[in-house]
Amino acid sequence: MIAGGSLAGILYAILFGNGLVREADAGDNPGLWPLLHDGTGGLIAGGLLFFALGVILSRVGQRKLTT
């Protein structure tokens, strides 16, 4: 996950440097779904995604290996 975050940051820097995307924190940039960037909706969506990731990782980690 650390490598994926690093690669995503490098990709964002390249796209931003070439003018293909705008600054993520710009006041006039509401993002793809403005509801997810404002207040409680964004916090709930982020929490649900984090919970889903935890469930997926725990299920995969508990799976028995078959040979």
C-alpha atoms as a PDB file:
ATOM      1  CA  MET A   1       0.000   0.000   0.000  1.00  0.00           C
ATOM      2  CA  ILE A   2       2.890   2.335   0.664  1.00  0.00           C
ATOM      3  CA  ALA A   3       4.289   1.760  -2.824  1.00  0.00           C
ATOM      4  CA  GLY A   4       0.844   2.301  -4.355  1.00  0.00           C
ATOM      5  CA  GLY A   5       0.468   5.619  -2.543  1.00  0.00           C
ATOM      6  CA  SER A   6       3.913   6.681  -3.696  1.00  0.00           C
ATOM      7  CA  LEU A   7       3.143   5.770  -7.303  1.00  0.00           C
ATOM      8  CA  ALA A   8      -0.178   7.621  -7.134  1.00  0.00           C
ATOM      9  CA  GLY A   9       1.611  10.709  -5.799  1.00  0.00           C
ATOM     10  CA  ILE A  10       4.165  10.592  -8.605  1.00  0.00           C
ATOM     11  CA  LEU A  11       1.401  10.161 -11.190  1.00  0.00           C
ATOM     12  CA  TYR A  12      -0.502  13.120  -9.721  1.00  0.00           C
ATOM     13  CA  ALA A  13       2.637  15.264  -9.783  1.00  0.00           C
ATOM     14  CA  ILE A  14       3.225  14.412 -13.450  1.00  0.00           C
ATOM     15  CA  LEU A  15      -0.386  15.138 -14.402  1.00  0.00           C
ATOM     16  CA  PHE A  16      -0.423  18.393 -12.401  1.00  0.00           C
ATOM     17  CA  GLY A  17       2.925  19.479 -13.857  1.00  0.00           C
ATOM     18  CA  ASN A  18       1.620  18.971 -17.394  1.00  0.00           C
ATOM     19  CA  GLY A  19      -1.574  20.921 -16.647  1.00  0.00           C
ATOM     20  CA  LEU A  20      -3.858  17.902 -17.093  1.00  0.00           C
ATOM     21  CA  VAL A  21      -5.376  18.187 -13.598  1.00  0.00           C
ATOM     22  CA  ARG A  22      -5.984  21.121 -11.285  1.00  0.00           C
ATOM     23  CA  GLU A  23      -4.740  21.510  -7.737  1.00  0.00           C
ATOM     24  CA  ALA A  24      -6.630  19.172  -5.410  1.00  0.00           C
ATOM     25  CA  ASP A  25      -7.036  21.805  -2.685  1.00  0.00           C
ATOM     26  CA  ALA A  26      -8.192  24.625  -4.965  1.00  0.00           C
ATOM     27  CA  GLY A  27     -11.322  26.318  -3.656  1.00  0.00           C
ATOM     28  CA  ASP A  28     -13.043  26.200  -7.041  1.00  0.00           C
ATOM     29  CA  ASN A  29     -12.305  22.491  -7.554  1.00  0.00           C
ATOM     30  CA  PRO A  30     -15.199  20.470  -6.059  1.00  0.00           C
ATOM     31  CA  GLY A  31     -13.778  17.145  -7.284  1.00  0.00           C
ATOM     32  CA  LEU A  32     -15.646  14.456  -9.166  1.00  0.00           C
ATOM     33  CA  TRP A  33     -18.344  14.086  -6.498  1.00  0.00           C
ATOM     34  CA  PRO A  34     -18.683  17.256  -4.396  1.00  0.00           C
ATOM     35  CA  LEU A  35     -20.826  15.422  -1.830  1.00  0.00           C
ATOM     36  CA  LEU A  36     -17.826  13.290  -0.839  1.00  0.00           C
ATOM     37  CA  HIS A  37     -15.650  16.344  -0.218  1.00  0.00           C
ATOM     38  CA  ASP A  38     -18.005  18.254   2.067  1.00  0.00           C
ATOM     39  CA  GLY A  39     -18.595  17.609   5.730  1.00  0.00           C
ATOM     40  CA  THR A  40     -20.196  14.505   7.136  1.00  0.00           C
ATOM     41  CA  GLY A  41     -20.831  12.739   3.809  1.00  0.00           C
ATOM     42  CA  GLY A  42     -17.134  12.599   3.040  1.00  0.00           C
ATOM     43  CA  LEU A  43     -16.259  11.375   6.531  1.00  0.00           C
ATOM     44  CA  ILE A  44     -18.845   8.591   6.368  1.00  0.00           C
ATOM     45  CA  ALA A  45     -17.772   7.549   2.855  1.00  0.00           C
ATOM     46  CA  GLY A  46     -14.104   7.465   3.886  1.00  0.00           C
ATOM     47  CA  GLY A  47     -14.901   5.484   7.013  1.00  0.00           C
ATOM     48  CA  LEU A  48     -16.953   2.941   5.060  1.00  0.00           C
ATOM     49  CA  LEU A  49     -14.191   2.498   2.503  1.00  0.00           C
ATOM     50  CA  PHE A  50     -11.602   2.040   5.256  1.00  0.00           C
ATOM     51  CA  PHE A  51     -13.856  -0.493   7.009  1.00  0.00           C
ATOM     52  CA  ALA A  52     -14.373  -2.417   3.746  1.00  0.00           C
ATOM     53  CA  LEU A  53     -10.619  -2.520   3.191  1.00  0.00           C
ATOM     54  CA  GLY A  54     -10.119  -3.877   6.703  1.00  0.00           C
ATOM     55  CA  VAL A  55     -12.742  -6.592   6.181  1.00  0.00           C
ATOM     56  CA  ILE A  56     -11.213  -7.643   2.865  1.00  0.00           C
ATOM     57  CA  LEU A  57      -7.685  -7.752   4.282  1.00  0.00           C
ATOM     58  CA  SER A  58      -8.738  -9.720   7.365  1.00  0.00           C
ATOM     59  CA  ARG A  59     -10.650 -12.290   5.276  1.00  0.00           C
ATOM     60  CA  VAL A  60      -7.710 -12.754   2.925  1.00  0.00           C
ATOM     61  CA  GLY A  61      -5.316 -13.011   5.866  1.00  0.00           C
ATOM     62  CA  GLN A  62      -7.396 -15.711   7.547  1.00  0.00           C
ATOM     63  CA  ARG A  63      -7.790 -17.812   4.419  1.00  0.00           C
ATOM     64  CA  LYS A  64      -6.093 -21.186   4.616  1.00  0.00           C
ATOM     65  CA  LEU A  65      -3.525 -21.994   1.978  1.00  0.00           C
ATOM     66  CA  THR A  66      -4.280 -25.002  -0.171  1.00  0.00           C
ATOM     67  CA  THR A  67      -1.524 -26.900  -1.900  1.00  0.00           C
END
